[in-house]
Amino acid sequence: MRVFVEGVAVRAPGLGGWPESRAVLAGIEAYRAAPAELPASPLPPAERRRTAPTVKLALALGIEAFAAAERDPAETASVFASSGGDGETIHQILVALASDERHLSPTRFHNSVHNAPAGYWSIATRSHAPSTSIGCHDATFAAGLLEAAVQALVEDRAVALVAYDAGYPEPLHSVRPIDALFGTALVLVPSMSPRSFAQLEIELRPQGSDFSTMAEPALESFRVGSPAGRSLPLLATLARDAADTVMLEYIPGLMLAVSVEPVSSAPARMPRRQDAAAGV
């Protein structure tokens, strides 16, 4: 499958957005640890007070990626990918259920639903475009990328992928260790546009080689410590504006190969819908 990238976003400790992080991801500047910063939510005040950190992260990523792509989020399909959703909310619900007073907050309950960020996104952007929420354990980013690329090709439309994860509190962290908050977003289109800056050739391959990693120890810790962080080798290749093939973790026995080419050397158009569907 061939798709094109129009916009990118990234948020994590020390990575405060795509423009500010490109040099670090490309290996030009050293990584410097810093708290993760999230901009103010675009939600109305009532909804803003009820949002969890994962929702704030997802919204920040989507807004940044759409601004870079110069697309209207109200008219663009989206895929929200998270391995575990809002761990703090899940923790609080389990604490309540394990107590004698099993009263659950309605806000806690609706924030625990896996598609809660997609719902808040539709409120914030007034979007009526299709939205999918997906989770696939450590392969969540690869599954989200595959889903977004398939939708872009089959539906012949722009699709935004928003992948995000945040850590669980104890005791959940002991059995499902997800470390630092990490998120990224990509706006994908099926044909080259004036805003396209990279082409992605995506294919499933039998697992026969190592997954791509990061040379910088701090960034590698993000990669292995967060399912959304598995995106980092792809983000690093995009940051370098380089041609390379990235191998991403997928389900057992399969891996996702993503070949990246800067748009200046990419074909101007992809195969049309019937060819793309045959390739899928």
C-alpha atoms as a PDB file:
ATOM      1  CA  MET A   1       0.000   0.000   0.000  1.00  0.00           C
ATOM      2  CA  ARG A   2       1.216   3.487  -0.827  1.00  0.00           C
ATOM      3  CA  VAL A   3       0.069   6.594   1.056  1.00  0.00           C
ATOM      4  CA  PHE A   4       1.449  10.078   1.527  1.00  0.00           C
ATOM      5  CA  VAL A   5       2.082  12.071   4.712  1.00  0.00           C
ATOM      6  CA  GLU A   6       0.837  15.642   4.989  1.00  0.00           C
ATOM      7  CA  GLY A   7       1.156  16.348   8.713  1.00  0.00           C
ATOM      8  CA  VAL A   8       2.945  14.963  11.779  1.00  0.00           C
ATOM      9  CA  ALA A   9       2.704  15.589  15.508  1.00  0.00           C
ATOM     10  CA  VAL A  10       4.574  14.233  18.521  1.00  0.00           C
ATOM     11  CA  ARG A  11       4.269  14.794  22.273  1.00  0.00           C
ATOM     12  CA  ALA A  12       6.332  13.207  25.051  1.00  0.00           C
ATOM     13  CA  PRO A  13       8.694  14.299  27.822  1.00  0.00           C
ATOM     14  CA  GLY A  14      11.334  16.382  26.056  1.00  0.00           C
ATOM     15  CA  LEU A  15       9.454  16.255  22.728  1.00  0.00           C
ATOM     16  CA  GLY A  16       7.168  19.259  22.609  1.00  0.00           C
ATOM     17  CA  GLY A  17       5.777  19.072  19.092  1.00  0.00           C
ATOM     18  CA  TRP A  18       7.042  18.108  15.645  1.00  0.00           C
ATOM     19  CA  PRO A  19       8.875  21.344  14.655  1.00  0.00           C
ATOM     20  CA  GLU A  20      10.644  21.506  18.033  1.00  0.00           C
ATOM     21  CA  SER A  21      11.523  17.779  18.014  1.00  0.00           C
ATOM     22  CA  ARG A  22      12.693  17.131  14.451  1.00  0.00           C
ATOM     23  CA  ALA A  23      16.355  17.853  15.131  1.00  0.00           C
ATOM     24  CA  VAL A  24      16.346  15.567  18.178  1.00  0.00           C
ATOM     25  CA  LEU A  25      14.585  12.756  16.343  1.00  0.00           C
ATOM     26  CA  ALA A  26      16.961  13.143  13.393  1.00  0.00           C
ATOM     27  CA  GLY A  27      19.974  12.835  15.705  1.00  0.00           C
ATOM     28  CA  ILE A  28      21.203  16.372  15.013  1.00  0.00           C
ATOM     29  CA  GLU A  29      20.576  17.667  18.534  1.00  0.00           C
ATOM     30  CA  ALA A  30      20.903  15.849  21.843  1.00  0.00           C
ATOM     31  CA  TYR A  31      17.757  14.815  23.659  1.00  0.00           C
ATOM     32  CA  ARG A  32      17.055  16.852  26.791  1.00  0.00           C
ATOM     33  CA  ALA A  33      14.644  15.520  29.383  1.00  0.00           C
ATOM     34  CA  ALA A  34      11.745  17.831  30.253  1.00  0.00           C
ATOM     35  CA  PRO A  35       8.174  17.390  31.475  1.00  0.00           C
ATOM     36  CA  ALA A  36       5.624  16.682  28.773  1.00  0.00           C
ATOM     37  CA  GLU A  37       3.674  19.825  27.923  1.00  0.00           C
ATOM     38  CA  LEU A  38       0.152  19.819  26.531  1.00  0.00           C
ATOM     39  CA  PRO A  39      -1.498  22.941  25.132  1.00  0.00           C
ATOM     40  CA  ALA A  40      -4.882  24.108  26.342  1.00  0.00           C
ATOM     41  CA  SER A  41      -7.753  21.912  25.218  1.00  0.00           C
ATOM     42  CA  PRO A  42     -10.090  23.315  22.528  1.00  0.00           C
ATOM     43  CA  LEU A  43     -13.101  21.757  24.285  1.00  0.00           C
ATOM     44  CA  PRO A  44     -15.882  23.859  25.806  1.00  0.00           C
ATOM     45  CA  PRO A  45     -15.308  24.529  29.544  1.00  0.00           C
ATOM     46  CA  ALA A  46     -17.777  21.898  30.780  1.00  0.00           C
ATOM     47  CA  GLU A  47     -16.193  19.085  28.771  1.00  0.00           C
ATOM     48  CA  ARG A  48     -12.666  20.389  29.434  1.00  0.00           C
ATOM     49  CA  ARG A  49     -13.093  19.895  33.176  1.00  0.00           C
ATOM     50  CA  ARG A  50     -13.986  16.238  32.694  1.00  0.00           C
ATOM     51  CA  THR A  51     -11.171  15.213  30.360  1.00  0.00           C
ATOM     52  CA  ALA A  52      -8.402  12.814  31.333  1.00  0.00           C
ATOM     53  CA  PRO A  53      -4.711  13.317  30.408  1.00  0.00           C
ATOM     54  CA  THR A  54      -5.021  10.818  27.556  1.00  0.00           C
ATOM     55  CA  VAL A  55      -7.840  12.873  26.033  1.00  0.00           C
ATOM     56  CA  LYS A  56      -5.806  16.070  26.344  1.00  0.00           C
ATOM     57  CA  LEU A  57      -2.868  14.311  24.699  1.00  0.00           C
ATOM     58  CA  ALA A  58      -4.954  12.927  21.821  1.00  0.00           C
ATOM     59  CA  LEU A  59      -6.550  16.314  21.156  1.00  0.00           C
ATOM     60  CA  ALA A  60      -3.186  18.110  21.203  1.00  0.00           C
ATOM     61  CA  LEU A  61      -1.746  15.622  18.714  1.00  0.00           C
ATOM     62  CA  GLY A  62      -4.687  15.882  16.349  1.00  0.00           C
ATOM     63  CA  ILE A  63      -4.714  19.665  16.386  1.00  0.00           C
ATOM     64  CA  GLU A  64      -0.969  19.872  15.666  1.00  0.00           C
ATOM     65  CA  ALA A  65      -1.060  17.341  12.824  1.00  0.00           C
ATOM     66  CA  PHE A  66      -4.089  18.966  11.165  1.00  0.00           C
ATOM     67  CA  ALA A  67      -2.527  22.411  11.408  1.00  0.00           C
ATOM     68  CA  ALA A  68       0.569  21.095   9.626  1.00  0.00           C
ATOM     69  CA  ALA A  69      -1.551  19.403   6.952  1.00  0.00           C
ATOM     70  CA  GLU A  70      -3.782  22.488   6.564  1.00  0.00           C
ATOM     71  CA  ARG A  71      -6.861  20.257   6.579  1.00  0.00           C
ATOM     72  CA  ASP A  72     -10.243  20.699   8.220  1.00  0.00           C
ATOM     73  CA  PRO A  73     -10.602  18.078  10.995  1.00  0.00           C
ATOM     74  CA  ALA A  74     -14.375  18.364  10.784  1.00  0.00           C
ATOM     75  CA  GLU A  75     -14.253  16.776   7.334  1.00  0.00           C
ATOM     76  CA  THR A  76     -11.447  14.235   7.823  1.00  0.00           C
ATOM     77  CA  ALA A  77     -11.767  10.624   8.981  1.00  0.00           C
ATOM     78  CA  SER A  78      -9.721   9.585  12.006  1.00  0.00           C
ATOM     79  CA  VAL A  79      -8.239   6.515  13.653  1.00  0.00           C
ATOM     80  CA  PHE A  80      -7.471   6.718  17.372  1.00  0.00           C
ATOM     81  CA  ALA A  81      -5.024   4.035  18.532  1.00  0.00           C
ATOM     82  CA  SER A  82      -4.232   3.333  22.183  1.00  0.00           C
ATOM     83  CA  SER A  83      -3.060   0.168  23.879  1.00  0.00           C
ATOM     84  CA  GLY A  84      -4.859   0.719  27.158  1.00  0.00           C
ATOM     85  CA  GLY A  85      -6.686   4.031  27.170  1.00  0.00           C
ATOM     86  CA  ASP A  86      -6.863   6.009  30.401  1.00  0.00           C
ATOM     87  CA  GLY A  87      -5.088   3.888  33.003  1.00  0.00           C
ATOM     88  CA  GLU A  88      -5.762   6.245  35.908  1.00  0.00           C
ATOM     89  CA  THR A  89      -9.518   6.096  35.299  1.00  0.00           C
ATOM     90  CA  ILE A  90      -9.415   2.304  35.046  1.00  0.00           C
ATOM     91  CA  HIS A  91      -7.474   2.202  38.321  1.00  0.00           C
ATOM     92  CA  GLN A  92     -10.020   4.397  40.117  1.00  0.00           C
ATOM     93  CA  ILE A  93     -12.929   2.277  38.856  1.00  0.00           C
ATOM     94  CA  LEU A  94     -11.257  -0.923  40.057  1.00  0.00           C
ATOM     95  CA  VAL A  95     -10.557   0.675  43.454  1.00  0.00           C
ATOM     96  CA  ALA A  96     -14.233   1.585  43.754  1.00  0.00           C
ATOM     97  CA  LEU A  97     -15.378  -1.894  42.746  1.00  0.00           C
ATOM     98  CA  ALA A  98     -13.034  -3.452  45.314  1.00  0.00           C
ATOM     99  CA  SER A  99     -14.438  -1.287  48.112  1.00  0.00           C
ATOM    100  CA  ASP A 100     -17.614  -1.561  50.157  1.00  0.00           C
ATOM    101  CA  GLU A 101     -19.026   1.579  48.488  1.00  0.00           C
ATOM    102  CA  ARG A 102     -19.280   0.601  44.838  1.00  0.00           C
ATOM    103  CA  HIS A 103     -20.447   3.934  43.490  1.00  0.00           C
ATOM    104  CA  LEU A 104     -18.945   4.841  40.133  1.00  0.00           C
ATOM    105  CA  SER A 105     -18.687   8.395  38.884  1.00  0.00           C
ATOM    106  CA  PRO A 106     -20.433   8.801  35.506  1.00  0.00           C
ATOM    107  CA  THR A 107     -17.464  10.895  34.374  1.00  0.00           C
ATOM    108  CA  ARG A 108     -15.048   8.137  35.341  1.00  0.00           C
ATOM    109  CA  PHE A 109     -17.166   5.617  33.491  1.00  0.00           C
ATOM    110  CA  HIS A 110     -17.376   7.462  30.194  1.00  0.00           C
ATOM    111  CA  ASN A 111     -13.648   8.315  30.314  1.00  0.00           C
ATOM    112  CA  SER A 112     -12.908   4.587  30.689  1.00  0.00           C
ATOM    113  CA  VAL A 113     -14.493   3.768  27.322  1.00  0.00           C
ATOM    114  CA  HIS A 114     -11.850   3.174  24.662  1.00  0.00           C
ATOM    115  CA  ASN A 115     -13.365   5.604  22.158  1.00  0.00           C
ATOM    116  CA  ALA A 116     -13.736   8.474  24.655  1.00  0.00           C
ATOM    117  CA  PRO A 117     -10.954  10.555  22.987  1.00  0.00           C
ATOM    118  CA  ALA A 118     -12.683  10.117  19.614  1.00  0.00           C
ATOM    119  CA  GLY A 119     -15.911  11.408  21.162  1.00  0.00           C
ATOM    120  CA  TYR A 120     -14.192  14.440  22.683  1.00  0.00           C
ATOM    121  CA  TRP A 121     -12.476  15.030  19.320  1.00  0.00           C
ATOM    122  CA  SER A 122     -15.840  15.172  17.563  1.00  0.00           C
ATOM    123  CA  ILE A 123     -17.044  17.706  20.142  1.00  0.00           C
ATOM    124  CA  ALA A 124     -13.903  19.848  19.890  1.00  0.00           C
ATOM    125  CA  THR A 125     -13.796  19.903  16.084  1.00  0.00           C
ATOM    126  CA  ARG A 126     -17.541  19.486  15.354  1.00  0.00           C
ATOM    127  CA  SER A 127     -16.579  16.551  13.203  1.00  0.00           C
ATOM    128  CA  HIS A 128     -19.146  14.208  11.682  1.00  0.00           C
ATOM    129  CA  ALA A 129     -16.471  12.300   9.742  1.00  0.00           C
ATOM    130  CA  PRO A 130     -15.990   8.567  10.405  1.00  0.00           C
ATOM    131  CA  SER A 131     -13.803   7.647  13.372  1.00  0.00           C
ATOM    132  CA  THR A 132     -12.333   4.308  14.460  1.00  0.00           C
ATOM    133  CA  SER A 133     -10.786   3.475  17.841  1.00  0.00           C
ATOM    134  CA  ILE A 134      -8.358   0.560  17.966  1.00  0.00           C
ATOM    135  CA  GLY A 135      -6.065  -1.240  20.417  1.00  0.00           C
ATOM    136  CA  CYS A 136      -3.577  -4.059  19.754  1.00  0.00           C
ATOM    137  CA  HIS A 137      -1.331  -4.368  22.849  1.00  0.00           C
ATOM    138  CA  ASP A 138       2.301  -3.566  21.945  1.00  0.00           C
ATOM    139  CA  ALA A 139       1.456  -3.550  18.220  1.00  0.00           C
ATOM    140  CA  THR A 140      -1.102  -0.764  18.597  1.00  0.00           C
ATOM    141  CA  PHE A 141       0.796   1.805  16.519  1.00  0.00           C
ATOM    142  CA  ALA A 142       1.359  -0.637  13.651  1.00  0.00           C
ATOM    143  CA  ALA A 143      -2.290  -1.728  13.767  1.00  0.00           C
ATOM    144  CA  GLY A 144      -3.429   1.899  13.741  1.00  0.00           C
ATOM    145  CA  LEU A 145      -1.131   2.761  10.826  1.00  0.00           C
ATOM    146  CA  LEU A 146      -2.392  -0.229   8.870  1.00  0.00           C
ATOM    147  CA  GLU A 147      -6.031   0.696   9.583  1.00  0.00           C
ATOM    148  CA  ALA A 148      -5.521   4.339   8.599  1.00  0.00           C
ATOM    149  CA  ALA A 149      -3.688   3.433   5.381  1.00  0.00           C
ATOM    150  CA  VAL A 150      -6.372   0.922   4.345  1.00  0.00           C
ATOM    151  CA  GLN A 151      -9.117   3.471   4.968  1.00  0.00           C
ATOM    152  CA  ALA A 152      -7.273   6.151   3.003  1.00  0.00           C
ATOM    153  CA  LEU A 153      -6.901   3.861  -0.001  1.00  0.00           C
ATOM    154  CA  VAL A 154     -10.268   2.112   0.007  1.00  0.00           C
ATOM    155  CA  GLU A 155     -12.274   5.258   0.765  1.00  0.00           C
ATOM    156  CA  ASP A 156      -9.996   7.501  -1.338  1.00  0.00           C
ATOM    157  CA  ARG A 157      -9.875  10.154   1.356  1.00  0.00           C
ATOM    158  CA  ALA A 158      -7.562  11.733   3.941  1.00  0.00           C
ATOM    159  CA  VAL A 159      -7.340   9.873   7.256  1.00  0.00           C
ATOM    160  CA  ALA A 160      -5.660  11.014  10.467  1.00  0.00           C
ATOM    161  CA  LEU A 161      -3.974   8.506  12.782  1.00  0.00           C
ATOM    162  CA  VAL A 162      -3.667   9.565  16.427  1.00  0.00           C
ATOM    163  CA  ALA A 163      -1.677   7.096  18.578  1.00  0.00           C
ATOM    164  CA  TYR A 164      -1.205   7.737  22.291  1.00  0.00           C
ATOM    165  CA  ASP A 165      -0.499   5.997  25.596  1.00  0.00           C
ATOM    166  CA  ALA A 166       0.081   6.973  29.212  1.00  0.00           C
ATOM    167  CA  GLY A 167       1.346   4.950  32.147  1.00  0.00           C
ATOM    168  CA  TYR A 168      -0.747   2.951  34.588  1.00  0.00           C
ATOM    169  CA  PRO A 169      -0.543   3.524  38.342  1.00  0.00           C
ATOM    170  CA  GLU A 170       0.321   0.625  40.634  1.00  0.00           C
ATOM    171  CA  PRO A 171      -0.608  -2.159  40.950  1.00  0.00           C
ATOM    172  CA  LEU A 172      -1.641  -2.191  37.267  1.00  0.00           C
ATOM    173  CA  HIS A 173       1.799  -0.954  36.236  1.00  0.00           C
ATOM    174  CA  SER A 174       3.409  -4.087  37.647  1.00  0.00           C
ATOM    175  CA  VAL A 175       1.479  -6.315  35.248  1.00  0.00           C
ATOM    176  CA  ARG A 176       1.286  -3.896  32.306  1.00  0.00           C
ATOM    177  CA  PRO A 177       4.277  -1.559  32.476  1.00  0.00           C
ATOM    178  CA  ILE A 178       3.718   1.474  30.266  1.00  0.00           C
ATOM    179  CA  ASP A 179       6.124   4.226  31.180  1.00  0.00           C
ATOM    180  CA  ALA A 180       6.083   7.825  30.026  1.00  0.00           C
ATOM    181  CA  LEU A 181       3.204   9.545  28.291  1.00  0.00           C
ATOM    182  CA  PHE A 182       3.823   9.367  24.539  1.00  0.00           C
ATOM    183  CA  GLY A 183       1.795  10.211  21.453  1.00  0.00           C
ATOM    184  CA  THR A 184       2.075  10.878  17.751  1.00  0.00           C
ATOM    185  CA  ALA A 185      -0.253  11.701  14.869  1.00  0.00           C
ATOM    186  CA  LEU A 186      -0.033  11.396  11.089  1.00  0.00           C
ATOM    187  CA  VAL A 187      -2.341  12.791   8.423  1.00  0.00           C
ATOM    188  CA  LEU A 188      -2.318  10.342   5.501  1.00  0.00           C
ATOM    189  CA  VAL A 189      -3.687  10.832   1.977  1.00  0.00           C
ATOM    190  CA  PRO A 190      -4.001   8.351  -0.926  1.00  0.00           C
ATOM    191  CA  SER A 191      -2.503  10.666  -3.561  1.00  0.00           C
ATOM    192  CA  MET A 192       0.275  13.202  -3.503  1.00  0.00           C
ATOM    193  CA  SER A 193      -0.894  16.705  -2.657  1.00  0.00           C
ATOM    194  CA  PRO A 194       0.927  20.054  -2.480  1.00  0.00           C
ATOM    195  CA  ARG A 195       1.343  19.479   1.277  1.00  0.00           C
ATOM    196  CA  SER A 196       2.715  15.925   1.014  1.00  0.00           C
ATOM    197  CA  PHE A 197       6.309  15.607   2.183  1.00  0.00           C
ATOM    198  CA  ALA A 198       6.850  11.848   2.357  1.00  0.00           C
ATOM    199  CA  GLN A 199       5.595   8.655   0.764  1.00  0.00           C
ATOM    200  CA  LEU A 200       5.025   5.471   2.803  1.00  0.00           C
ATOM    201  CA  GLU A 201       5.030   2.033   1.178  1.00  0.00           C
ATOM    202  CA  ILE A 202       3.431  -0.289   3.735  1.00  0.00           C
ATOM    203  CA  GLU A 203       3.405  -4.084   3.617  1.00  0.00           C
ATOM    204  CA  LEU A 204       3.072  -7.036   5.960  1.00  0.00           C
ATOM    205  CA  ARG A 205       6.066  -9.377   6.071  1.00  0.00           C
ATOM    206  CA  PRO A 206       6.820 -12.605   7.927  1.00  0.00           C
ATOM    207  CA  GLN A 207       8.855 -11.851  11.004  1.00  0.00           C
ATOM    208  CA  GLY A 208      12.388 -12.591   9.933  1.00  0.00           C
ATOM    209  CA  SER A 209      14.515  -9.664  11.094  1.00  0.00           C
ATOM    210  CA  ASP A 210      14.875  -7.357  14.065  1.00  0.00           C
ATOM    211  CA  PHE A 211      12.539  -4.455  14.682  1.00  0.00           C
ATOM    212  CA  SER A 212      13.887  -0.958  14.061  1.00  0.00           C
ATOM    213  CA  THR A 213      15.267   0.764  17.168  1.00  0.00           C
ATOM    214  CA  MET A 214      16.543   4.180  18.268  1.00  0.00           C
ATOM    215  CA  ALA A 215      20.240   4.934  18.815  1.00  0.00           C
ATOM    216  CA  GLU A 216      19.558   7.552  21.514  1.00  0.00           C
ATOM    217  CA  PRO A 217      19.043   5.652  24.824  1.00  0.00           C
ATOM    218  CA  ALA A 218      16.319   7.999  26.095  1.00  0.00           C
ATOM    219  CA  LEU A 219      14.339   7.714  22.865  1.00  0.00           C
ATOM    220  CA  GLU A 220      14.816   3.951  22.831  1.00  0.00           C
ATOM    221  CA  SER A 221      13.379   3.826  26.341  1.00  0.00           C
ATOM    222  CA  PHE A 222      10.290   5.623  25.004  1.00  0.00           C
ATOM    223  CA  ARG A 223      10.082   3.128  22.145  1.00  0.00           C
ATOM    224  CA  VAL A 224      10.116   0.040  24.364  1.00  0.00           C
ATOM    225  CA  GLY A 225       8.230   1.691  27.226  1.00  0.00           C
ATOM    226  CA  SER A 226       5.134   2.775  25.295  1.00  0.00           C
ATOM    227  CA  PRO A 227       3.148   1.031  22.535  1.00  0.00           C
ATOM    228  CA  ALA A 228       2.687   4.436  20.842  1.00  0.00           C
ATOM    229  CA  GLY A 229       6.452   4.896  21.150  1.00  0.00           C
ATOM    230  CA  ARG A 230       6.976   2.071  18.640  1.00  0.00           C
ATOM    231  CA  SER A 231       6.403   4.859  16.104  1.00  0.00           C
ATOM    232  CA  LEU A 232       9.748   6.492  16.892  1.00  0.00           C
ATOM    233  CA  PRO A 233      11.882   4.822  14.168  1.00  0.00           C
ATOM    234  CA  LEU A 234       9.325   5.982  11.585  1.00  0.00           C
ATOM    235  CA  LEU A 235       9.239   9.479  13.067  1.00  0.00           C
ATOM    236  CA  ALA A 236      13.050   9.594  13.046  1.00  0.00           C
ATOM    237  CA  THR A 237      13.136   8.661   9.355  1.00  0.00           C
ATOM    238  CA  LEU A 238      10.572  11.341   8.543  1.00  0.00           C
ATOM    239  CA  ALA A 239      12.563  13.853  10.609  1.00  0.00           C
ATOM    240  CA  ARG A 240      15.723  13.096   8.631  1.00  0.00           C
ATOM    241  CA  ASP A 241      13.851  13.549   5.342  1.00  0.00           C
ATOM    242  CA  ALA A 242      15.532  10.300   4.338  1.00  0.00           C
ATOM    243  CA  ALA A 243      14.722   7.187   2.338  1.00  0.00           C
ATOM    244  CA  ASP A 244      14.731   4.113   4.551  1.00  0.00           C
ATOM    245  CA  THR A 245      12.679   1.060   5.527  1.00  0.00           C
ATOM    246  CA  VAL A 246      11.398   0.793   9.079  1.00  0.00           C
ATOM    247  CA  MET A 247      10.368  -2.538  10.597  1.00  0.00           C
ATOM    248  CA  LEU A 248       7.540  -2.235  13.125  1.00  0.00           C
ATOM    249  CA  GLU A 249       6.268  -4.788  15.605  1.00  0.00           C
ATOM    250  CA  TYR A 250       2.924  -6.346  14.679  1.00  0.00           C
ATOM    251  CA  ILE A 251       1.108  -9.532  15.705  1.00  0.00           C
ATOM    252  CA  PRO A 252       3.170 -12.713  16.362  1.00  0.00           C
ATOM    253  CA  GLY A 253       4.777 -13.977  13.188  1.00  0.00           C
ATOM    254  CA  LEU A 254       4.218 -10.754  11.242  1.00  0.00           C
ATOM    255  CA  MET A 255       5.871  -7.365  11.085  1.00  0.00           C
ATOM    256  CA  LEU A 256       4.964  -4.161   9.300  1.00  0.00           C
ATOM    257  CA  ALA A 257       7.550  -2.902   6.816  1.00  0.00           C
ATOM    258  CA  VAL A 258       7.258   0.823   6.111  1.00  0.00           C
ATOM    259  CA  SER A 259       9.464   2.151   3.315  1.00  0.00           C
ATOM    260  CA  VAL A 260       9.829   5.924   3.484  1.00  0.00           C
ATOM    261  CA  GLU A 261      10.760   8.195   0.597  1.00  0.00           C
ATOM    262  CA  PRO A 262      10.922  11.988   0.616  1.00  0.00           C
ATOM    263  CA  VAL A 263       8.216  13.340  -1.619  1.00  0.00           C
ATOM    264  CA  SER A 264      10.694  14.902  -4.058  1.00  0.00           C
ATOM    265  CA  SER A 265      11.671  11.412  -5.223  1.00  0.00           C
ATOM    266  CA  ALA A 266       8.253   9.742  -4.832  1.00  0.00           C
ATOM    267  CA  PRO A 267       5.897   8.982  -7.745  1.00  0.00           C
ATOM    268  CA  ALA A 268       3.371  11.762  -8.278  1.00  0.00           C
ATOM    269  CA  ARG A 269       0.360   9.464  -8.051  1.00  0.00           C
ATOM    270  CA  MET A 270      -0.462   6.130  -6.484  1.00  0.00           C
ATOM    271  CA  PRO A 271      -2.449   3.317  -8.188  1.00  0.00           C
ATOM    272  CA  ARG A 272      -6.124   4.184  -8.234  1.00  0.00           C
ATOM    273  CA  ARG A 273      -8.737   2.548  -6.062  1.00  0.00           C
ATOM    274  CA  GLN A 274      -9.025  -0.803  -7.865  1.00  0.00           C
ATOM    275  CA  ASP A 275      -5.234  -1.341  -7.791  1.00  0.00           C
ATOM    276  CA  ALA A 276      -4.967  -0.248  -4.164  1.00  0.00           C
ATOM    277  CA  ALA A 277      -7.778  -2.574  -3.130  1.00  0.00           C
ATOM    278  CA  ALA A 278      -6.075  -5.460  -4.897  1.00  0.00           C
ATOM    279  CA  GLY A 279      -2.851  -4.688  -3.048  1.00  0.00           C
ATOM    280  CA  VAL A 280      -4.634  -4.642   0.316  1.00  0.00           C
END
